[in-house]
Amino acid sequence: MEPSNKEEELKQLEALKSNITLSITQDPALAELKDQMLMDVTSEGLRIQLIDNDDQPMFGLGSDEMDPAMEQALAKIAALLKTMPNKVTIQGHTDAHPFHNPDDLTQSNWELSSQRANAARRALIKGGMPEDKVMRVTGYSSTVLLDKKDPLNPMNRRISIIVMKKEAANKILDED
């Protein structure tokens, strides 16, 4: 890939970041969610993180049932993602609170983080993003904490959507 293409791709990702911020802040129903969104450009691409908090949880406790406001936010993001050629990966993260359901010993934060990442995938597709844009859906449990000092902090519960740079997407394709 030519350096100019990489620079152009970076500009497109930065523009997408601005458009997502604008789209969320201009919608009165979603404006309060802007404090629950972190975006940064990483070596893989544009990372959009939707962060949980106790006042506005993304999901029910121990559930992959999504809050309607979060579904609306993902629909806005989906509308913008479908205009981009880039593939996406979706990651689910939990905090370090142990998942506790004495009736179901097959459930843990691993399953919960994966189920929530898949719930985000379904919401993005429902919002109009083509299904073939999704490269990978992964659950990380509490292994990649946002707040390493406080593993129980609600901000560790999050969904990360990474709009992949072409080079990073090609690396995933080459893994197989």
N, C-alpha and C. Protein backbone atom coordinates (compact mmCIF):
# COMPACT_ATOMS: atom_id res chain seq x y z
N MET A 1 0.84 -1.19 0.00
CA MET A 1 0.00 0.00 0.00
C MET A 1 0.88 1.25 0.00
N GLU A 2 0.59 2.18 -0.86
CA GLU A 2 1.36 3.41 -0.97
C GLU A 2 1.13 4.27 0.28
N PRO A 3 2.17 5.02 0.71
CA PRO A 3 1.99 5.89 1.86
C PRO A 3 0.81 6.85 1.71
N SER A 4 0.59 7.36 0.50
CA SER A 4 -0.53 8.28 0.30
C SER A 4 -1.87 7.59 0.57
N ASN A 5 -1.96 6.29 0.24
CA ASN A 5 -3.18 5.54 0.53
C ASN A 5 -3.39 5.41 2.03
N LYS A 6 -2.29 5.16 2.76
CA LYS A 6 -2.39 5.07 4.22
C LYS A 6 -2.82 6.40 4.81
N GLU A 7 -2.26 7.48 4.29
CA GLU A 7 -2.64 8.81 4.77
C GLU A 7 -4.11 9.09 4.47
N GLU A 8 -4.55 8.71 3.29
CA GLU A 8 -5.95 8.91 2.89
C GLU A 8 -6.86 8.08 3.80
N GLU A 9 -6.46 6.86 4.07
CA GLU A 9 -7.25 5.99 4.95
C GLU A 9 -7.37 6.60 6.35
N LEU A 10 -6.26 7.13 6.85
CA LEU A 10 -6.26 7.78 8.16
C LEU A 10 -7.22 8.98 8.17
N LYS A 11 -7.21 9.77 7.10
CA LYS A 11 -8.12 10.91 6.99
C LYS A 11 -9.57 10.44 7.00
N GLN A 12 -9.85 9.34 6.30
CA GLN A 12 -11.21 8.80 6.26
C GLN A 12 -11.66 8.34 7.64
N LEU A 13 -10.76 7.69 8.38
CA LEU A 13 -11.09 7.22 9.73
C LEU A 13 -11.33 8.41 10.66
N GLU A 14 -10.51 9.45 10.55
CA GLU A 14 -10.70 10.65 11.37
C GLU A 14 -12.03 11.32 11.02
N ALA A 15 -12.38 11.35 9.74
CA ALA A 15 -13.65 11.93 9.31
C ALA A 15 -14.82 11.12 9.87
N LEU A 16 -14.68 9.79 9.85
CA LEU A 16 -15.71 8.92 10.41
C LEU A 16 -15.88 9.21 11.90
N LYS A 17 -14.77 9.35 12.61
CA LYS A 17 -14.79 9.66 14.04
C LYS A 17 -15.58 10.96 14.28
N SER A 18 -15.31 11.99 13.49
CA SER A 18 -16.02 13.28 13.62
C SER A 18 -17.50 13.11 13.31
N ASN A 19 -17.81 12.36 12.26
CA ASN A 19 -19.21 12.17 11.88
C ASN A 19 -20.00 11.40 12.94
N ILE A 20 -19.37 10.41 13.56
CA ILE A 20 -20.05 9.66 14.63
C ILE A 20 -20.32 10.59 15.81
N THR A 21 -19.32 11.37 16.20
CA THR A 21 -19.49 12.30 17.32
C THR A 21 -20.63 13.27 17.02
N LEU A 22 -20.63 13.83 15.83
CA LEU A 22 -21.66 14.78 15.41
C LEU A 22 -23.03 14.12 15.42
N SER A 23 -23.13 12.93 14.86
CA SER A 23 -24.39 12.22 14.76
C SER A 23 -24.99 11.94 16.14
N ILE A 24 -24.15 11.55 17.08
CA ILE A 24 -24.62 11.24 18.44
C ILE A 24 -25.00 12.51 19.19
N THR A 25 -24.17 13.55 19.11
CA THR A 25 -24.45 14.77 19.88
C THR A 25 -25.63 15.56 19.31
N GLN A 26 -25.93 15.42 18.02
CA GLN A 26 -27.04 16.17 17.43
C GLN A 26 -28.39 15.51 17.68
N ASP A 27 -28.39 14.27 18.12
CA ASP A 27 -29.64 13.57 18.39
C ASP A 27 -29.97 13.72 19.87
N PRO A 28 -31.04 14.49 20.20
CA PRO A 28 -31.36 14.74 21.61
C PRO A 28 -31.52 13.47 22.44
N ALA A 29 -32.03 12.41 21.80
CA ALA A 29 -32.24 11.14 22.52
C ALA A 29 -30.92 10.46 22.86
N LEU A 30 -29.85 10.80 22.13
CA LEU A 30 -28.57 10.11 22.31
C LEU A 30 -27.48 11.00 22.89
N ALA A 31 -27.74 12.31 22.97
CA ALA A 31 -26.70 13.26 23.39
C ALA A 31 -26.05 12.87 24.72
N GLU A 32 -26.84 12.33 25.64
CA GLU A 32 -26.27 11.96 26.95
C GLU A 32 -25.33 10.76 26.85
N LEU A 33 -25.44 9.99 25.76
CA LEU A 33 -24.56 8.84 25.60
C LEU A 33 -23.15 9.22 25.16
N LYS A 34 -22.96 10.48 24.71
CA LYS A 34 -21.63 10.86 24.22
C LYS A 34 -20.57 10.71 25.31
N ASP A 35 -20.97 10.81 26.58
CA ASP A 35 -20.02 10.61 27.68
C ASP A 35 -19.66 9.14 27.86
N GLN A 36 -20.40 8.25 27.22
CA GLN A 36 -20.14 6.82 27.31
C GLN A 36 -19.43 6.30 26.07
N MET A 37 -18.91 7.22 25.26
CA MET A 37 -18.26 6.81 24.03
C MET A 37 -16.84 7.34 24.00
N LEU A 38 -15.90 6.44 23.73
CA LEU A 38 -14.50 6.82 23.54
C LEU A 38 -14.11 6.40 22.14
N MET A 39 -13.42 7.28 21.44
CA MET A 39 -12.95 6.92 20.10
C MET A 39 -11.49 7.32 19.95
N ASP A 40 -10.71 6.42 19.37
CA ASP A 40 -9.31 6.73 19.09
C ASP A 40 -8.85 5.90 17.90
N VAL A 41 -7.85 6.42 17.22
CA VAL A 41 -7.28 5.68 16.09
C VAL A 41 -6.09 4.90 16.62
N THR A 42 -6.13 3.58 16.42
CA THR A 42 -5.06 2.70 16.88
C THR A 42 -4.34 2.13 15.66
N SER A 43 -3.39 1.25 15.89
CA SER A 43 -2.68 0.62 14.77
C SER A 43 -3.62 -0.23 13.92
N GLU A 44 -4.73 -0.71 14.52
CA GLU A 44 -5.69 -1.53 13.77
C GLU A 44 -6.70 -0.70 12.99
N GLY A 45 -7.05 0.48 13.52
CA GLY A 45 -8.06 1.31 12.87
C GLY A 45 -8.74 2.22 13.87
N LEU A 46 -9.95 2.68 13.53
CA LEU A 46 -10.72 3.53 14.44
C LEU A 46 -11.43 2.64 15.45
N ARG A 47 -11.10 2.84 16.73
CA ARG A 47 -11.73 2.06 17.81
C ARG A 47 -12.83 2.92 18.43
N ILE A 48 -14.04 2.40 18.37
CA ILE A 48 -15.20 3.06 18.97
C ILE A 48 -15.58 2.23 20.18
N GLN A 49 -15.45 2.81 21.37
CA GLN A 49 -15.77 2.06 22.59
C GLN A 49 -17.02 2.64 23.23
N LEU A 50 -18.01 1.79 23.44
CA LEU A 50 -19.22 2.18 24.15
C LEU A 50 -19.08 1.65 25.57
N ILE A 51 -19.01 2.57 26.51
CA ILE A 51 -18.66 2.26 27.89
C ILE A 51 -19.92 2.18 28.75
N ASP A 52 -19.95 1.21 29.61
CA ASP A 52 -21.06 1.07 30.54
C ASP A 52 -20.88 2.02 31.72
N ASN A 53 -21.99 2.41 32.33
CA ASN A 53 -21.91 3.04 33.65
C ASN A 53 -23.17 2.68 34.40
N ASP A 54 -23.14 2.84 35.72
CA ASP A 54 -24.27 2.39 36.53
C ASP A 54 -25.53 3.21 36.28
N ASP A 55 -25.39 4.49 35.87
CA ASP A 55 -26.55 5.33 35.62
C ASP A 55 -27.24 4.97 34.30
N GLN A 56 -26.47 4.56 33.31
CA GLN A 56 -27.00 4.24 31.98
C GLN A 56 -26.36 2.93 31.50
N PRO A 57 -26.78 1.77 32.07
CA PRO A 57 -26.16 0.52 31.64
C PRO A 57 -26.52 0.16 30.20
N MET A 58 -25.57 -0.43 29.49
CA MET A 58 -25.81 -0.86 28.11
C MET A 58 -26.65 -2.12 28.06
N PHE A 59 -26.46 -2.97 29.06
CA PHE A 59 -27.13 -4.27 29.11
C PHE A 59 -27.69 -4.48 30.52
N GLY A 60 -28.70 -5.35 30.62
CA GLY A 60 -29.19 -5.74 31.93
C GLY A 60 -28.10 -6.51 32.67
N LEU A 61 -28.15 -6.52 33.97
CA LEU A 61 -27.16 -7.20 34.80
C LEU A 61 -27.08 -8.67 34.43
N GLY A 62 -25.88 -9.11 34.04
CA GLY A 62 -25.67 -10.51 33.69
C GLY A 62 -26.43 -10.94 32.44
N SER A 63 -26.77 -9.97 31.57
CA SER A 63 -27.60 -10.27 30.41
C SER A 63 -26.98 -9.69 29.14
N ASP A 64 -27.42 -10.21 28.00
CA ASP A 64 -27.01 -9.62 26.73
C ASP A 64 -28.18 -8.85 26.11
N GLU A 65 -29.22 -8.57 26.91
CA GLU A 65 -30.36 -7.77 26.46
C GLU A 65 -29.94 -6.30 26.48
N MET A 66 -29.94 -5.69 25.29
CA MET A 66 -29.41 -4.34 25.12
C MET A 66 -30.44 -3.27 25.47
N ASP A 67 -29.96 -2.20 26.11
CA ASP A 67 -30.79 -1.04 26.41
C ASP A 67 -31.20 -0.37 25.08
N PRO A 68 -32.46 0.07 24.95
CA PRO A 68 -32.91 0.69 23.70
C PRO A 68 -32.08 1.91 23.26
N ALA A 69 -31.59 2.70 24.21
CA ALA A 69 -30.76 3.87 23.85
C ALA A 69 -29.46 3.41 23.20
N MET A 70 -28.91 2.30 23.67
CA MET A 70 -27.67 1.80 23.09
C MET A 70 -27.94 1.24 21.69
N GLU A 71 -29.11 0.61 21.51
CA GLU A 71 -29.49 0.14 20.17
C GLU A 71 -29.58 1.31 19.20
N GLN A 72 -30.15 2.42 19.67
CA GLN A 72 -30.27 3.62 18.83
C GLN A 72 -28.88 4.15 18.45
N ALA A 73 -27.98 4.17 19.42
CA ALA A 73 -26.62 4.65 19.16
C ALA A 73 -25.94 3.75 18.13
N LEU A 74 -26.11 2.44 18.27
CA LEU A 74 -25.49 1.51 17.31
C LEU A 74 -26.11 1.65 15.92
N ALA A 75 -27.39 1.98 15.86
CA ALA A 75 -28.04 2.21 14.56
C ALA A 75 -27.42 3.43 13.87
N LYS A 76 -27.15 4.49 14.64
CA LYS A 76 -26.50 5.69 14.08
C LYS A 76 -25.10 5.34 13.57
N ILE A 77 -24.36 4.56 14.37
CA ILE A 77 -23.01 4.15 13.98
C ILE A 77 -23.08 3.28 12.73
N ALA A 78 -24.06 2.36 12.68
CA ALA A 78 -24.21 1.45 11.53
C ALA A 78 -24.45 2.24 10.24
N ALA A 79 -25.27 3.29 10.33
CA ALA A 79 -25.57 4.10 9.14
C ALA A 79 -24.29 4.73 8.59
N LEU A 80 -23.37 5.11 9.48
CA LEU A 80 -22.12 5.70 9.03
C LEU A 80 -21.12 4.63 8.57
N LEU A 81 -21.11 3.48 9.23
CA LEU A 81 -20.19 2.41 8.86
C LEU A 81 -20.49 1.86 7.47
N LYS A 82 -21.76 1.85 7.10
CA LYS A 82 -22.10 1.27 5.79
C LYS A 82 -21.60 2.15 4.64
N THR A 83 -21.21 3.39 4.94
CA THR A 83 -20.67 4.25 3.88
C THR A 83 -19.16 4.04 3.69
N MET A 84 -18.56 3.26 4.59
CA MET A 84 -17.12 3.02 4.54
C MET A 84 -16.84 1.64 3.94
N PRO A 85 -15.74 1.49 3.21
CA PRO A 85 -15.41 0.17 2.66
C PRO A 85 -14.79 -0.76 3.70
N ASN A 86 -14.37 -0.23 4.83
CA ASN A 86 -13.60 -0.98 5.82
C ASN A 86 -14.42 -2.08 6.50
N LYS A 87 -13.73 -3.17 6.83
CA LYS A 87 -14.30 -4.25 7.64
C LYS A 87 -14.26 -3.83 9.10
N VAL A 88 -15.03 -4.52 9.95
CA VAL A 88 -15.04 -4.21 11.38
C VAL A 88 -14.84 -5.48 12.20
N THR A 89 -14.29 -5.28 13.40
CA THR A 89 -14.28 -6.34 14.40
C THR A 89 -15.04 -5.80 15.61
N ILE A 90 -15.66 -6.68 16.36
CA ILE A 90 -16.47 -6.29 17.50
C ILE A 90 -15.99 -7.08 18.71
N GLN A 91 -15.73 -6.36 19.80
CA GLN A 91 -15.22 -7.00 21.01
C GLN A 91 -16.16 -6.70 22.18
N GLY A 92 -16.38 -7.71 23.01
CA GLY A 92 -17.15 -7.53 24.24
C GLY A 92 -16.22 -7.68 25.43
N HIS A 93 -16.42 -6.81 26.43
CA HIS A 93 -15.59 -6.82 27.64
C HIS A 93 -16.51 -6.75 28.86
N THR A 94 -16.12 -7.44 29.92
CA THR A 94 -16.84 -7.35 31.19
C THR A 94 -15.89 -6.76 32.24
N ASP A 95 -16.47 -6.43 33.40
CA ASP A 95 -15.61 -6.08 34.53
C ASP A 95 -15.23 -7.39 35.23
N ALA A 96 -14.55 -7.29 36.35
CA ALA A 96 -14.05 -8.50 37.02
C ALA A 96 -15.04 -9.11 38.01
N HIS A 97 -16.24 -8.53 38.13
CA HIS A 97 -17.25 -9.15 38.98
C HIS A 97 -17.52 -10.54 38.43
N PRO A 98 -17.45 -11.58 39.26
CA PRO A 98 -17.72 -12.91 38.72
C PRO A 98 -19.19 -13.03 38.31
N PHE A 99 -19.41 -13.65 37.18
CA PHE A 99 -20.77 -13.91 36.72
C PHE A 99 -21.33 -14.95 37.66
N HIS A 100 -22.49 -14.67 38.26
CA HIS A 100 -23.00 -15.60 39.27
C HIS A 100 -24.44 -15.97 38.98
N ASN A 101 -24.62 -17.19 38.53
CA ASN A 101 -25.95 -17.75 38.38
C ASN A 101 -25.84 -19.20 38.84
N PRO A 102 -26.23 -19.48 40.10
CA PRO A 102 -26.05 -20.83 40.64
C PRO A 102 -26.79 -21.91 39.85
N ASP A 103 -27.82 -21.51 39.07
CA ASP A 103 -28.58 -22.48 38.28
C ASP A 103 -27.89 -22.83 36.96
N ASP A 104 -26.91 -22.02 36.56
CA ASP A 104 -26.28 -22.23 35.26
C ASP A 104 -24.77 -22.11 35.39
N LEU A 105 -24.12 -23.24 35.60
CA LEU A 105 -22.67 -23.25 35.80
C LEU A 105 -21.91 -23.17 34.48
N THR A 106 -22.63 -23.19 33.34
CA THR A 106 -21.95 -23.08 32.05
C THR A 106 -21.74 -21.63 31.64
N GLN A 107 -22.29 -20.69 32.41
CA GLN A 107 -22.15 -19.28 32.08
C GLN A 107 -21.04 -18.65 32.91
N SER A 108 -20.25 -17.81 32.24
CA SER A 108 -19.21 -17.05 32.93
C SER A 108 -19.08 -15.72 32.20
N ASN A 109 -18.14 -14.88 32.63
CA ASN A 109 -17.90 -13.61 31.95
C ASN A 109 -17.41 -13.83 30.52
N TRP A 110 -16.83 -15.00 30.26
CA TRP A 110 -16.41 -15.31 28.88
C TRP A 110 -17.62 -15.38 27.96
N GLU A 111 -18.62 -16.17 28.36
CA GLU A 111 -19.83 -16.28 27.55
C GLU A 111 -20.55 -14.94 27.46
N LEU A 112 -20.64 -14.25 28.61
CA LEU A 112 -21.36 -12.97 28.65
C LEU A 112 -20.71 -11.95 27.71
N SER A 113 -19.39 -11.84 27.74
CA SER A 113 -18.72 -10.85 26.88
C SER A 113 -18.92 -11.21 25.40
N SER A 114 -18.89 -12.49 25.07
CA SER A 114 -19.12 -12.93 23.69
C SER A 114 -20.56 -12.67 23.26
N GLN A 115 -21.51 -12.97 24.14
CA GLN A 115 -22.92 -12.75 23.83
C GLN A 115 -23.22 -11.26 23.61
N ARG A 116 -22.60 -10.41 24.43
CA ARG A 116 -22.82 -8.97 24.28
C ARG A 116 -22.18 -8.45 22.99
N ALA A 117 -21.03 -8.96 22.62
CA ALA A 117 -20.41 -8.57 21.35
C ALA A 117 -21.31 -8.98 20.19
N ASN A 118 -21.91 -10.17 20.28
CA ASN A 118 -22.83 -10.61 19.24
C ASN A 118 -24.11 -9.80 19.22
N ALA A 119 -24.57 -9.36 20.40
CA ALA A 119 -25.76 -8.49 20.46
C ALA A 119 -25.45 -7.17 19.76
N ALA A 120 -24.24 -6.66 19.94
CA ALA A 120 -23.83 -5.42 19.25
C ALA A 120 -23.77 -5.66 17.74
N ARG A 121 -23.26 -6.81 17.33
CA ARG A 121 -23.21 -7.15 15.90
C ARG A 121 -24.61 -7.16 15.31
N ARG A 122 -25.55 -7.81 16.01
CA ARG A 122 -26.93 -7.87 15.52
C ARG A 122 -27.55 -6.48 15.43
N ALA A 123 -27.27 -5.62 16.42
CA ALA A 123 -27.81 -4.26 16.41
C ALA A 123 -27.24 -3.44 15.25
N LEU A 124 -25.96 -3.62 14.96
CA LEU A 124 -25.34 -2.91 13.83
C LEU A 124 -25.96 -3.36 12.50
N ILE A 125 -26.19 -4.65 12.36
CA ILE A 125 -26.78 -5.18 11.13
C ILE A 125 -28.23 -4.72 11.01
N LYS A 126 -28.95 -4.75 12.12
CA LYS A 126 -30.33 -4.25 12.13
C LYS A 126 -30.35 -2.77 11.74
N GLY A 127 -29.30 -2.03 12.11
CA GLY A 127 -29.19 -0.62 11.79
C GLY A 127 -28.75 -0.35 10.35
N GLY A 128 -28.51 -1.41 9.58
CA GLY A 128 -28.22 -1.24 8.17
C GLY A 128 -26.79 -1.54 7.73
N MET A 129 -25.92 -1.91 8.67
CA MET A 129 -24.56 -2.26 8.27
C MET A 129 -24.58 -3.65 7.64
N PRO A 130 -23.97 -3.81 6.46
CA PRO A 130 -23.96 -5.14 5.83
C PRO A 130 -23.24 -6.18 6.70
N GLU A 131 -23.82 -7.35 6.77
CA GLU A 131 -23.27 -8.41 7.61
C GLU A 131 -21.86 -8.81 7.19
N ASP A 132 -21.56 -8.70 5.88
CA ASP A 132 -20.24 -9.13 5.42
C ASP A 132 -19.12 -8.15 5.79
N LYS A 133 -19.45 -7.06 6.46
CA LYS A 133 -18.42 -6.14 6.97
C LYS A 133 -17.74 -6.71 8.21
N VAL A 134 -18.44 -7.61 8.91
CA VAL A 134 -17.93 -8.14 10.18
C VAL A 134 -16.88 -9.21 9.91
N MET A 135 -15.67 -8.98 10.45
CA MET A 135 -14.56 -9.94 10.29
C MET A 135 -14.44 -10.87 11.48
N ARG A 136 -14.74 -10.33 12.66
CA ARG A 136 -14.50 -11.10 13.88
C ARG A 136 -15.37 -10.54 15.00
N VAL A 137 -15.91 -11.44 15.82
CA VAL A 137 -16.65 -11.06 17.02
C VAL A 137 -16.00 -11.84 18.16
N THR A 138 -15.53 -11.12 19.17
CA THR A 138 -14.72 -11.74 20.22
C THR A 138 -15.17 -11.29 21.60
N GLY A 139 -15.17 -12.23 22.54
CA GLY A 139 -15.41 -11.92 23.95
C GLY A 139 -14.09 -11.98 24.70
N TYR A 140 -13.81 -10.96 25.48
CA TYR A 140 -12.55 -10.89 26.23
C TYR A 140 -12.72 -11.05 27.73
N SER A 141 -13.95 -11.28 28.21
CA SER A 141 -14.21 -11.35 29.64
C SER A 141 -13.61 -10.10 30.29
N SER A 142 -12.84 -10.25 31.35
CA SER A 142 -12.22 -9.09 32.02
C SER A 142 -10.70 -9.08 31.82
N THR A 143 -10.23 -9.66 30.71
CA THR A 143 -8.79 -9.77 30.49
C THR A 143 -8.15 -8.48 29.97
N VAL A 144 -8.95 -7.59 29.36
CA VAL A 144 -8.41 -6.33 28.83
C VAL A 144 -9.19 -5.19 29.48
N LEU A 145 -8.71 -4.77 30.64
CA LEU A 145 -9.41 -3.75 31.43
C LEU A 145 -9.09 -2.34 30.95
N LEU A 146 -10.09 -1.49 30.95
CA LEU A 146 -9.89 -0.09 30.64
C LEU A 146 -9.31 0.61 31.88
N ASP A 147 -9.85 0.26 33.05
CA ASP A 147 -9.34 0.79 34.32
C ASP A 147 -8.61 -0.35 35.03
N LYS A 148 -7.30 -0.43 34.79
CA LYS A 148 -6.51 -1.54 35.35
C LYS A 148 -6.40 -1.45 36.88
N LYS A 149 -6.53 -0.25 37.44
CA LYS A 149 -6.42 -0.08 38.89
C LYS A 149 -7.67 -0.58 39.62
N ASP A 150 -8.83 -0.51 38.92
CA ASP A 150 -10.09 -0.94 39.53
C ASP A 150 -10.82 -1.90 38.59
N PRO A 151 -10.51 -3.20 38.69
CA PRO A 151 -11.12 -4.19 37.79
C PRO A 151 -12.65 -4.26 37.90
N LEU A 152 -13.22 -3.71 38.99
CA LEU A 152 -14.67 -3.77 39.18
C LEU A 152 -15.38 -2.52 38.64
N ASN A 153 -14.62 -1.54 38.17
CA ASN A 153 -15.18 -0.30 37.64
C ASN A 153 -16.13 -0.62 36.48
N PRO A 154 -17.36 -0.04 36.50
CA PRO A 154 -18.31 -0.30 35.41
C PRO A 154 -17.77 0.06 34.03
N MET A 155 -16.82 0.99 33.95
CA MET A 155 -16.29 1.38 32.64
C MET A 155 -15.55 0.23 31.95
N ASN A 156 -15.18 -0.79 32.71
CA ASN A 156 -14.54 -1.96 32.10
C ASN A 156 -15.54 -2.78 31.28
N ARG A 157 -16.84 -2.61 31.57
CA ARG A 157 -17.89 -3.26 30.77
C ARG A 157 -18.09 -2.41 29.53
N ARG A 158 -17.73 -2.94 28.36
CA ARG A 158 -17.83 -2.13 27.16
C ARG A 158 -17.87 -3.00 25.92
N ILE A 159 -18.30 -2.35 24.85
CA ILE A 159 -18.27 -2.94 23.51
C ILE A 159 -17.29 -2.10 22.71
N SER A 160 -16.37 -2.74 22.03
CA SER A 160 -15.44 -2.04 21.15
C SER A 160 -15.73 -2.45 19.71
N ILE A 161 -15.91 -1.46 18.87
CA ILE A 161 -16.09 -1.69 17.44
C ILE A 161 -14.85 -1.10 16.79
N ILE A 162 -14.11 -1.91 16.07
CA ILE A 162 -12.89 -1.41 15.42
C ILE A 162 -13.12 -1.41 13.92
N VAL A 163 -13.06 -0.20 13.35
CA VAL A 163 -13.16 -0.04 11.91
C VAL A 163 -11.74 -0.26 11.40
N MET A 164 -11.53 -1.42 10.79
CA MET A 164 -10.19 -1.90 10.47
C MET A 164 -9.52 -1.14 9.32
N LYS A 165 -8.25 -0.82 9.53
CA LYS A 165 -7.43 -0.36 8.41
C LYS A 165 -7.25 -1.56 7.49
N LYS A 166 -7.09 -1.31 6.20
CA LYS A 166 -6.96 -2.43 5.25
C LYS A 166 -5.80 -3.35 5.60
N GLU A 167 -4.69 -2.76 6.00
CA GLU A 167 -3.51 -3.56 6.35
C GLU A 167 -3.79 -4.50 7.53
N ALA A 168 -4.50 -3.99 8.55
CA ALA A 168 -4.83 -4.80 9.73
C ALA A 168 -5.84 -5.89 9.35
N ALA A 169 -6.79 -5.55 8.49
CA ALA A 169 -7.78 -6.54 8.04
C ALA A 169 -7.09 -7.65 7.25
N ASN A 170 -6.13 -7.28 6.42
CA ASN A 170 -5.39 -8.28 5.64
C ASN A 170 -4.60 -9.22 6.54
N LYS A 171 -4.09 -8.71 7.65
CA LYS A 171 -3.34 -9.57 8.60
C LYS A 171 -4.26 -10.64 9.17
N ILE A 172 -5.49 -10.25 9.48
CA ILE A 172 -6.46 -11.22 10.00
C ILE A 172 -6.73 -12.28 8.95
N LEU A 173 -6.92 -11.85 7.71
CA LEU A 173 -7.19 -12.80 6.62
C LEU A 173 -6.01 -13.75 6.40
N ASP A 174 -4.79 -13.24 6.61
CA ASP A 174 -3.60 -14.06 6.41
C ASP A 174 -3.34 -15.04 7.55
N GLU A 175 -4.04 -14.87 8.70
CA GLU A 175 -3.83 -15.77 9.85
C GLU A 175 -4.28 -17.18 9.54
N ASP A 176 -5.25 -17.32 8.66
CA ASP A 176 -5.83 -18.66 8.42
C ASP A 176 -5.00 -19.51 7.50
